[in-house]
Amino acid sequence: MRNTFDRIRHTLGFEITGMVMSVPLFAHLMDRSLDKTGVLAVGMSLTAMVWNYGYNLAFDHLMVRLGRRVDDRPPKLRVMHALGFETSFLCVTVPAVAWWLEMSFLQALIMDIGMAGFYTVHAYIYNWVYDRVFPMPVTETD
């Protein structure tokens, strides 16, 4: 299983690359200023980092409990992993988006679903690349 340093590196890398790509895109699409969407993105990023750490730790423990190697993640499992994270995170972020951007709950939900779609694709690609650049450490139980 990955150690704490590796999980923190993973989380920071994911959030930084996601924000660099998403903030200008969503500011443009929502016709909002970069500072308004940037502050929202930082708040969501901080929340996502905590969520990401806990979610991935729980997911790895589930894999071990099910008798699977934590580094054995075929494409279908990677899709389930990414969708599970984004769906659970969506439940937390919609109210914050509605409040911060002064929009209706429905507008925030639609916008947040768009962000979730972006981050689902980002999560799949990022995690695939991350696992190649920083392979899962081999342990005695592997």
C-alpha atoms as a PDB file:
ATOM      1  CA  MET A   1       0.000   0.000   0.000  1.00  0.00           C
ATOM      2  CA  ARG A   2       1.126   3.582  -0.500  1.00  0.00           C
ATOM      3  CA  ASN A   3       2.664   5.508   2.400  1.00  0.00           C
ATOM      4  CA  THR A   4       1.548   8.894   3.718  1.00  0.00           C
ATOM      5  CA  PHE A   5       4.159  10.875   1.759  1.00  0.00           C
ATOM      6  CA  ASP A   6       3.094   9.198  -1.471  1.00  0.00           C
ATOM      7  CA  ARG A   7      -0.604   9.883  -0.767  1.00  0.00           C
ATOM      8  CA  ILE A   8       0.115  13.559  -0.050  1.00  0.00           C
ATOM      9  CA  ARG A   9       2.227  13.879  -3.237  1.00  0.00           C
ATOM     10  CA  HIS A  10      -0.575  12.200  -5.193  1.00  0.00           C
ATOM     11  CA  THR A  11      -3.250  14.491  -3.771  1.00  0.00           C
ATOM     12  CA  LEU A  12      -1.304  17.731  -4.231  1.00  0.00           C
ATOM     13  CA  GLY A  13      -0.366  16.822  -7.791  1.00  0.00           C
ATOM     14  CA  PHE A  14      -3.941  15.950  -8.641  1.00  0.00           C
ATOM     15  CA  GLU A  15      -5.366  19.191  -7.228  1.00  0.00           C
ATOM     16  CA  ILE A  16      -2.727  21.468  -8.728  1.00  0.00           C
ATOM     17  CA  THR A  17      -2.979  20.006 -12.234  1.00  0.00           C
ATOM     18  CA  GLY A  18      -6.778  20.027 -12.022  1.00  0.00           C
ATOM     19  CA  MET A  19      -6.961  23.678 -10.935  1.00  0.00           C
ATOM     20  CA  VAL A  20      -4.487  24.864 -13.558  1.00  0.00           C
ATOM     21  CA  MET A  21      -6.724  23.405 -16.244  1.00  0.00           C
ATOM     22  CA  SER A  22     -10.199  23.961 -14.759  1.00  0.00           C
ATOM     23  CA  VAL A  23     -10.196  27.507 -13.310  1.00  0.00           C
ATOM     24  CA  PRO A  24      -9.721  29.368 -16.623  1.00  0.00           C
ATOM     25  CA  LEU A  25     -12.066  26.976 -18.411  1.00  0.00           C
ATOM     26  CA  PHE A  26     -14.944  27.332 -15.945  1.00  0.00           C
ATOM     27  CA  ALA A  27     -14.443  31.082 -15.481  1.00  0.00           C
ATOM     28  CA  HIS A  28     -14.901  31.445 -19.219  1.00  0.00           C
ATOM     29  CA  LEU A  29     -17.852  29.021 -19.469  1.00  0.00           C
ATOM     30  CA  MET A  30     -19.701  30.580 -16.500  1.00  0.00           C
ATOM     31  CA  ASP A  31     -18.824  34.162 -17.434  1.00  0.00           C
ATOM     32  CA  ARG A  32     -17.363  34.774 -13.984  1.00  0.00           C
ATOM     33  CA  SER A  33     -14.109  36.429 -12.991  1.00  0.00           C
ATOM     34  CA  LEU A  34     -10.979  34.372 -12.476  1.00  0.00           C
ATOM     35  CA  ASP A  35     -10.815  35.596  -8.849  1.00  0.00           C
ATOM     36  CA  LYS A  36     -14.371  34.410  -8.103  1.00  0.00           C
ATOM     37  CA  THR A  37     -13.845  30.999  -9.692  1.00  0.00           C
ATOM     38  CA  GLY A  38     -10.273  30.833  -8.378  1.00  0.00           C
ATOM     39  CA  VAL A  39     -11.316  31.321  -4.751  1.00  0.00           C
ATOM     40  CA  LEU A  40     -14.061  28.738  -5.213  1.00  0.00           C
ATOM     41  CA  ALA A  41     -11.557  26.346  -6.776  1.00  0.00           C
ATOM     42  CA  VAL A  42      -9.108  26.761  -3.893  1.00  0.00           C
ATOM     43  CA  GLY A  43     -11.867  26.104  -1.342  1.00  0.00           C
ATOM     44  CA  MET A  44     -13.087  23.087  -3.261  1.00  0.00           C
ATOM     45  CA  SER A  45      -9.511  21.920  -3.734  1.00  0.00           C
ATOM     46  CA  LEU A  46      -8.759  22.023  -0.018  1.00  0.00           C
ATOM     47  CA  THR A  47     -11.958  20.108   0.650  1.00  0.00           C
ATOM     48  CA  ALA A  48     -11.144  17.672  -2.152  1.00  0.00           C
ATOM     49  CA  MET A  49      -7.649  17.028  -0.801  1.00  0.00           C
ATOM     50  CA  VAL A  50      -9.040  15.866   2.527  1.00  0.00           C
ATOM     51  CA  TRP A  51     -11.814  13.933   0.750  1.00  0.00           C
ATOM     52  CA  ASN A  52      -9.335  12.429  -1.728  1.00  0.00           C
ATOM     53  CA  TYR A  53      -6.962  11.237   0.985  1.00  0.00           C
ATOM     54  CA  GLY A  54      -9.737   9.562   2.966  1.00  0.00           C
ATOM     55  CA  TYR A  55     -11.494   8.136  -0.082  1.00  0.00           C
ATOM     56  CA  ASN A  56      -8.319   6.596  -1.536  1.00  0.00           C
ATOM     57  CA  LEU A  57      -7.258   5.210   1.830  1.00  0.00           C
ATOM     58  CA  ALA A  58     -10.692   3.605   2.298  1.00  0.00           C
ATOM     59  CA  PHE A  59     -10.652   2.305  -1.285  1.00  0.00           C
ATOM     60  CA  ASP A  60      -7.230   0.683  -0.790  1.00  0.00           C
ATOM     61  CA  HIS A  61      -8.362  -0.924   2.462  1.00  0.00           C
ATOM     62  CA  LEU A  62     -11.458  -2.238   0.694  1.00  0.00           C
ATOM     63  CA  MET A  63      -9.276  -3.764  -2.014  1.00  0.00           C
ATOM     64  CA  VAL A  64      -7.158  -5.502   0.642  1.00  0.00           C
ATOM     65  CA  ARG A  65     -10.274  -6.702   2.490  1.00  0.00           C
ATOM     66  CA  LEU A  66     -11.637  -8.133  -0.788  1.00  0.00           C
ATOM     67  CA  GLY A  67      -8.352  -9.978  -1.297  1.00  0.00           C
ATOM     68  CA  ARG A  68      -7.199  -7.872  -4.255  1.00  0.00           C
ATOM     69  CA  ARG A  69      -3.796  -6.339  -4.690  1.00  0.00           C
ATOM     70  CA  VAL A  70      -4.032  -2.567  -4.331  1.00  0.00           C
ATOM     71  CA  ASP A  71      -1.961  -2.132  -7.505  1.00  0.00           C
ATOM     72  CA  ASP A  72      -4.330  -4.355  -9.524  1.00  0.00           C
ATOM     73  CA  ARG A  73      -6.719  -1.796 -10.993  1.00  0.00           C
ATOM     74  CA  PRO A  74      -8.078  -2.732 -14.394  1.00  0.00           C
ATOM     75  CA  PRO A  75      -9.840  -0.005 -16.408  1.00  0.00           C
ATOM     76  CA  LYS A  76     -13.341  -0.919 -15.140  1.00  0.00           C
ATOM     77  CA  LEU A  77     -12.192  -0.620 -11.518  1.00  0.00           C
ATOM     78  CA  ARG A  78     -10.477   2.707 -12.281  1.00  0.00           C
ATOM     79  CA  VAL A  79     -13.721   4.032 -13.760  1.00  0.00           C
ATOM     80  CA  MET A  80     -15.685   2.877 -10.690  1.00  0.00           C
ATOM     81  CA  HIS A  81     -13.059   4.477  -8.424  1.00  0.00           C
ATOM     82  CA  ALA A  82     -13.227   7.841 -10.230  1.00  0.00           C
ATOM     83  CA  LEU A  83     -17.048   7.873 -10.453  1.00  0.00           C
ATOM     84  CA  GLY A  84     -17.407   6.951  -6.779  1.00  0.00           C
ATOM     85  CA  PHE A  85     -15.148   9.777  -5.719  1.00  0.00           C
ATOM     86  CA  GLU A  86     -16.800  12.394  -7.923  1.00  0.00           C
ATOM     87  CA  THR A  87     -20.347  11.361  -6.985  1.00  0.00           C
ATOM     88  CA  SER A  88     -19.653  11.506  -3.262  1.00  0.00           C
ATOM     89  CA  PHE A  89     -17.808  14.806  -3.609  1.00  0.00           C
ATOM     90  CA  LEU A  90     -20.664  16.298  -5.636  1.00  0.00           C
ATOM     91  CA  CYS A  91     -22.976  15.877  -2.634  1.00  0.00           C
ATOM     92  CA  VAL A  92     -20.657  18.089  -0.585  1.00  0.00           C
ATOM     93  CA  THR A  93     -19.895  20.806  -3.135  1.00  0.00           C
ATOM     94  CA  VAL A  94     -23.247  21.734  -4.715  1.00  0.00           C
ATOM     95  CA  PRO A  95     -24.461  23.856  -1.762  1.00  0.00           C
ATOM     96  CA  ALA A  96     -21.119  25.680  -1.554  1.00  0.00           C
ATOM     97  CA  VAL A  97     -21.098  26.428  -5.291  1.00  0.00           C
ATOM     98  CA  ALA A  98     -24.690  27.743  -5.185  1.00  0.00           C
ATOM     99  CA  TRP A  99     -23.872  30.048  -2.293  1.00  0.00           C
ATOM    100  CA  TRP A 100     -20.506  31.332  -3.550  1.00  0.00           C
ATOM    101  CA  LEU A 101     -21.559  31.977  -7.138  1.00  0.00           C
ATOM    102  CA  GLU A 102     -25.001  33.264  -6.110  1.00  0.00           C
ATOM    103  CA  MET A 103     -26.891  30.839  -8.299  1.00  0.00           C
ATOM    104  CA  SER A 104     -29.775  28.464  -7.845  1.00  0.00           C
ATOM    105  CA  PHE A 105     -29.248  24.960  -6.523  1.00  0.00           C
ATOM    106  CA  LEU A 106     -30.145  23.586  -9.972  1.00  0.00           C
ATOM    107  CA  GLN A 107     -27.624  25.857 -11.723  1.00  0.00           C
ATOM    108  CA  ALA A 108     -24.970  24.862  -9.197  1.00  0.00           C
ATOM    109  CA  LEU A 109     -25.820  21.194  -9.680  1.00  0.00           C
ATOM    110  CA  ILE A 110     -25.488  21.489 -13.468  1.00  0.00           C
ATOM    111  CA  MET A 111     -22.215  23.413 -13.132  1.00  0.00           C
ATOM    112  CA  ASP A 112     -20.905  20.966 -10.554  1.00  0.00           C
ATOM    113  CA  ILE A 113     -21.835  17.997 -12.751  1.00  0.00           C
ATOM    114  CA  GLY A 114     -19.788  19.626 -15.518  1.00  0.00           C
ATOM    115  CA  MET A 115     -16.860  19.991 -13.122  1.00  0.00           C
ATOM    116  CA  ALA A 116     -17.351  16.409 -11.942  1.00  0.00           C
ATOM    117  CA  GLY A 117     -17.226  15.248 -15.555  1.00  0.00           C
ATOM    118  CA  PHE A 118     -14.012  17.176 -16.090  1.00  0.00           C
ATOM    119  CA  TYR A 119     -12.479  15.822 -12.877  1.00  0.00           C
ATOM    120  CA  THR A 120     -13.643  12.255 -13.583  1.00  0.00           C
ATOM    121  CA  VAL A 121     -11.655  12.261 -16.818  1.00  0.00           C
ATOM    122  CA  HIS A 122      -8.789  14.042 -15.058  1.00  0.00           C
ATOM    123  CA  ALA A 123      -8.837  11.446 -12.224  1.00  0.00           C
ATOM    124  CA  TYR A 124      -8.718   8.526 -14.632  1.00  0.00           C
ATOM    125  CA  ILE A 125      -5.812   9.950 -16.643  1.00  0.00           C
ATOM    126  CA  TYR A 126      -3.937  11.371 -13.649  1.00  0.00           C
ATOM    127  CA  ASN A 127      -4.154   8.136 -11.629  1.00  0.00           C
ATOM    128  CA  TRP A 128      -3.069   6.044 -14.613  1.00  0.00           C
ATOM    129  CA  VAL A 129      -0.053   8.311 -15.234  1.00  0.00           C
ATOM    130  CA  TYR A 130       0.738   8.553 -11.506  1.00  0.00           C
ATOM    131  CA  ASP A 131       0.805   4.761 -11.134  1.00  0.00           C
ATOM    132  CA  ARG A 132       3.288   4.554 -14.013  1.00  0.00           C
ATOM    133  CA  VAL A 133       5.536   7.370 -12.777  1.00  0.00           C
ATOM    134  CA  PHE A 134       5.342   6.274  -9.110  1.00  0.00           C
ATOM    135  CA  PRO A 135       4.665   2.512  -9.140  1.00  0.00           C
ATOM    136  CA  MET A 136       2.990   0.906  -6.148  1.00  0.00           C
ATOM    137  CA  PRO A 137       5.670  -0.275  -3.697  1.00  0.00           C
ATOM    138  CA  VAL A 138       6.074  -4.021  -3.452  1.00  0.00           C
ATOM    139  CA  THR A 139       5.411  -5.373   0.026  1.00  0.00           C
ATOM    140  CA  GLU A 140       6.004  -8.751   1.599  1.00  0.00           C
ATOM    141  CA  THR A 141       2.329  -9.704   1.150  1.00  0.00           C
ATOM    142  CA  ASP A 142       2.433  -9.064  -2.620  1.00  0.00           C
END
